[in-house]
Protein backbone atom coordinates (compact mmCIF):
# COMPACT_ATOMS: atom_id res chain seq x y z
CA MET A 1 -6.18 -9.58 5.05
CA THR A 2 -5.45 -7.79 8.30
CA ALA A 3 -2.89 -5.10 7.45
CA VAL A 4 -1.63 -2.86 4.68
CA PHE A 5 2.05 -2.02 4.16
CA ILE A 6 2.82 1.23 2.35
CA HIS A 7 5.84 1.42 0.03
CA HIS A 8 7.36 3.74 -2.52
CA THR A 9 8.79 2.48 -5.79
CA ASP A 10 12.01 4.53 -5.45
CA THR A 11 11.59 5.77 -9.02
CA PRO A 12 11.68 9.38 -10.33
CA ASN A 13 8.84 11.73 -9.29
CA GLY A 14 8.83 13.91 -12.40
CA TYR A 15 6.72 11.54 -14.47
CA ASP A 16 3.65 12.37 -16.48
CA CYS A 17 0.69 10.29 -15.30
CA ALA A 18 0.08 9.22 -18.90
CA ASP A 19 3.53 7.55 -18.83
CA VAL A 20 2.84 5.40 -15.74
CA PRO A 21 2.17 2.21 -17.77
CA ARG A 22 5.79 2.37 -19.01
CA THR A 23 7.01 2.76 -15.41
CA LEU A 24 4.91 -0.25 -14.42
CA ARG A 25 6.38 -2.33 -17.26
CA ASN A 26 9.89 -1.39 -16.09
CA LEU A 27 9.05 -2.31 -12.49
CA TYR A 28 7.54 -5.58 -13.67
CA THR A 29 10.67 -6.43 -15.65
CA GLY A 30 12.92 -5.64 -12.70
CA GLN A 31 10.88 -7.63 -10.22
CA THR A 32 10.24 -10.65 -12.45
CA ARG A 33 13.63 -10.89 -14.16
CA ASP A 34 16.02 -9.51 -11.52
CA GLN A 35 14.17 -10.53 -8.35
CA ARG A 36 12.57 -13.64 -9.90
CA TRP A 37 9.28 -12.98 -8.12
CA GLY A 38 7.10 -14.15 -11.03
CA ASP A 39 4.99 -10.97 -10.86
CA LEU A 40 5.06 -7.50 -9.36
CA GLY A 41 5.70 -7.68 -5.63
CA TYR A 42 3.13 -4.99 -4.74
CA ASN A 43 -0.56 -5.79 -4.76
CA PHE A 44 -1.38 -2.24 -5.87
CA LEU A 45 0.41 0.86 -7.10
CA VAL A 46 -0.84 4.45 -6.94
CA ASP A 47 0.40 7.34 -9.09
CA LYS A 48 0.60 11.02 -8.19
CA CYS A 49 -2.72 11.69 -9.97
CA GLY A 50 -4.49 9.22 -7.66
CA THR A 51 -4.90 6.43 -10.20
CA ILE A 52 -4.79 2.97 -8.66
CA TYR A 53 -3.25 0.07 -10.57
CA GLU A 54 -3.52 -3.62 -9.78
CA GLY A 55 -0.01 -4.99 -9.32
CA ARG A 56 0.22 -8.67 -8.49
CA ALA A 57 -2.41 -10.60 -10.42
CA GLY A 58 -5.14 -12.65 -8.81
CA GLY A 59 -8.06 -10.35 -8.11
CA THR A 60 -8.31 -7.04 -6.31
CA ASP A 61 -10.81 -8.24 -3.72
CA ARG A 62 -8.99 -11.54 -3.02
CA PRO A 63 -6.24 -12.18 -0.44
CA VAL A 64 -3.43 -12.36 -3.02
CA VAL A 65 -0.03 -12.91 -1.36
CA GLY A 66 2.52 -10.38 -2.59
CA SER A 67 6.29 -10.07 -2.27
CA HIS A 68 6.34 -6.66 -0.64
CA THR A 69 7.31 -6.95 3.04
CA LEU A 70 9.67 -9.84 3.70
CA GLY A 71 8.36 -11.85 6.63
CA PHE A 72 4.92 -10.25 6.51
CA ASN A 73 3.49 -10.97 3.06
CA GLN A 74 0.90 -13.45 4.40
CA GLY A 75 -2.39 -11.80 5.27
CA THR A 76 -1.32 -8.32 4.18
CA THR A 77 -1.58 -6.06 1.15
CA GLY A 78 1.28 -4.01 -0.28
CA ILE A 79 0.44 -0.59 -1.75
CA ALA A 80 3.28 1.25 -3.50
CA ALA A 81 3.30 4.98 -4.15
CA ILE A 82 4.94 5.54 -7.53
CA GLY A 83 7.93 7.79 -6.89
CA THR A 84 10.50 8.50 -4.20
CA PHE A 85 9.37 10.17 -0.97
CA GLY A 86 12.46 11.06 1.01
CA ARG A 87 12.49 13.83 3.59
CA GLY A 88 11.03 17.10 2.30
CA THR A 89 9.35 15.56 -0.78
CA PRO A 90 5.70 16.56 -0.95
CA VAL A 91 3.23 13.68 -1.13
CA PRO A 92 0.55 14.62 -3.69
CA ALA A 93 -2.90 14.91 -2.10
CA ALA A 94 -4.51 12.82 -4.85
CA MET A 95 -2.02 10.00 -4.18
CA GLU A 96 -2.51 10.20 -0.42
CA HIS A 97 -6.29 10.10 -0.72
CA ALA A 98 -6.23 7.19 -3.18
CA ILE A 99 -3.92 5.19 -0.88
CA ALA A 100 -6.27 5.90 2.05
CA ALA A 101 -9.36 4.89 0.04
CA LEU A 102 -7.74 1.68 -1.19
CA ALA A 103 -6.54 0.78 2.32
CA ALA A 104 -9.99 1.53 3.76
CA TRP A 105 -11.59 -0.76 1.20
CA LYS A 106 -9.10 -3.64 1.58
CA LEU A 107 -9.18 -3.51 5.39
CA GLY A 108 -12.96 -3.10 5.32
CA LEU A 109 -13.34 -6.43 3.52
CA ASN A 110 -12.40 -8.02 6.86
CA GLY A 111 -13.87 -5.40 9.19
CA ILE A 112 -10.45 -3.98 10.17
CA ASP A 113 -10.38 -0.40 11.48
CA PRO A 114 -7.51 1.49 9.76
CA THR A 115 -6.57 3.10 13.08
CA ASP A 116 -6.31 -0.23 14.95
CA LYS A 117 -3.24 -2.22 15.90
CA VAL A 118 -2.91 -5.76 14.53
CA GLN A 119 -0.78 -8.79 15.45
CA LEU A 120 1.27 -10.37 12.67
CA THR A 121 3.64 -13.33 12.80
CA SER A 122 6.95 -13.25 10.95
CA THR A 123 7.34 -16.06 8.43
CA ASN A 124 11.16 -15.89 8.22
CA ASP A 125 14.29 -14.54 9.90
CA LYS A 126 14.95 -11.84 7.29
CA SER A 127 12.41 -9.34 8.62
CA ARG A 128 12.90 -7.18 11.72
CA TYR A 129 11.54 -10.16 13.68
CA THR A 130 12.64 -13.79 13.92
CA LYS A 131 10.58 -16.49 12.27
CA GLY A 132 7.51 -17.24 14.38
CA ALA A 133 7.73 -14.04 16.40
CA SER A 134 4.50 -12.12 16.85
CA ALA A 135 4.68 -8.36 16.43
CA GLU A 136 2.20 -5.50 16.75
CA PHE A 137 1.71 -3.18 13.78
CA ASP A 138 -0.60 -0.38 12.82
CA ALA A 139 -3.26 -1.71 10.43
CA ILE A 140 -1.69 0.72 7.94
CA SER A 141 2.08 0.51 8.40
CA GLY A 142 5.16 1.48 6.46
CA HIS A 143 7.46 -1.08 4.89
CA ARG A 144 10.17 -0.01 7.38
CA ASP A 145 8.00 -1.17 10.28
CA GLY A 146 8.51 -4.78 9.24
CA TYR A 147 11.82 -4.72 7.38
CA ALA A 148 15.12 -2.84 7.69
CA THR A 149 14.66 -0.25 4.93
CA ASN A 150 13.94 3.47 4.55
CA CYS A 151 10.85 2.65 2.45
CA PRO A 152 8.35 4.33 2.04
CA GLY A 153 10.61 7.34 2.54
CA ASP A 154 10.49 9.80 5.42
CA ALA A 155 7.91 12.09 3.79
CA LEU A 156 5.37 9.37 3.03
CA PHE A 157 6.01 7.63 6.35
CA ALA A 158 5.19 10.92 8.12
CA ARG A 159 1.83 11.03 6.29
CA LEU A 160 0.69 7.60 7.52
CA PRO A 161 -1.25 9.00 10.54
CA ALA A 162 -3.23 11.24 8.17
CA ILE A 163 -3.79 8.33 5.76
CA ARG A 164 -5.11 6.19 8.64
CA LYS A 165 -7.50 8.97 9.64
CA ILE A 166 -8.78 9.47 6.09
CA ALA A 167 -9.24 5.71 5.71
CA ALA A 168 -11.15 5.47 9.00
CA GLY A 169 -13.36 8.34 7.88
CA LEU A 170 -14.12 6.59 4.60
CA GLN A 171 -15.14 3.50 6.55
CA GLY A 172 -17.51 5.69 8.59
CA ARG A 173 -15.52 5.24 11.81
CA LEU A 174 -15.06 8.99 12.32
CA PRO A 175 -17.60 11.83 12.35
CA ARG A 176 -18.86 12.67 8.87
CA ALA A 177 -16.96 15.98 8.77
CA SER A 178 -13.67 14.04 8.78
CA SER A 179 -14.52 11.86 5.78
CA ASP A 180 -15.04 14.35 2.97
CA VAL A 181 -12.76 12.44 0.59
CA ALA A 182 -14.56 10.83 -2.33
CA LEU A 183 -13.72 7.30 -3.41
CA PRO A 184 -11.32 7.59 -6.37
CA ALA A 185 -12.85 6.57 -9.71
CA SER A 186 -10.05 4.04 -10.23
CA LEU A 187 -11.02 2.25 -7.00
CA ARG A 188 -14.67 2.23 -8.02
CA ASN A 189 -13.55 0.64 -11.32
CA LEU A 190 -11.48 -1.99 -9.47
CA GLN A 191 -14.47 -2.87 -7.28
CA GLN A 192 -16.77 -3.20 -10.31
CA THR A 193 -14.39 -5.44 -12.25
CA SER A 194 -13.78 -7.75 -9.30
CA HIS A 195 -17.42 -8.78 -8.86
């Protein structure tokens, strides 16, 4: 796994975190019945309280191929922020930090620096790149970088540089003062259950 693509679910933001399992069931139904993907497209989903959910089944620490960024599903992980993050919508700090911690962990499994650039090869002609074309991406990119969409919304897309920096700090690639974000409990739980 060499890159992470950040998404939003394009669902309402006014949810109660206790109600997220219902939202996940609705997303699952839409993606399995309507899209016929067989499972959730995203590898992980993160709510506004910073809770991380496993999306596509197969193991959190394994290179499970999702259906999240057409043309660039191979070798990448899709993380979806639960909600809609158009221009002017605040991105909750707990969500941002959880996304950064999850990305740091997934990229760290292969020694990838979250602030690096990576080369990916398009697997079809439906992405922004023709099949077989090599393209350079940030190790943590937005869905729109690989596919013609507004996802993950202007507000979340604008936070990607900060998310990269937090993730790099969590990997110990920045001075200690920059990495004062604790690993979310839900990520610690995912790590424990995957071993």
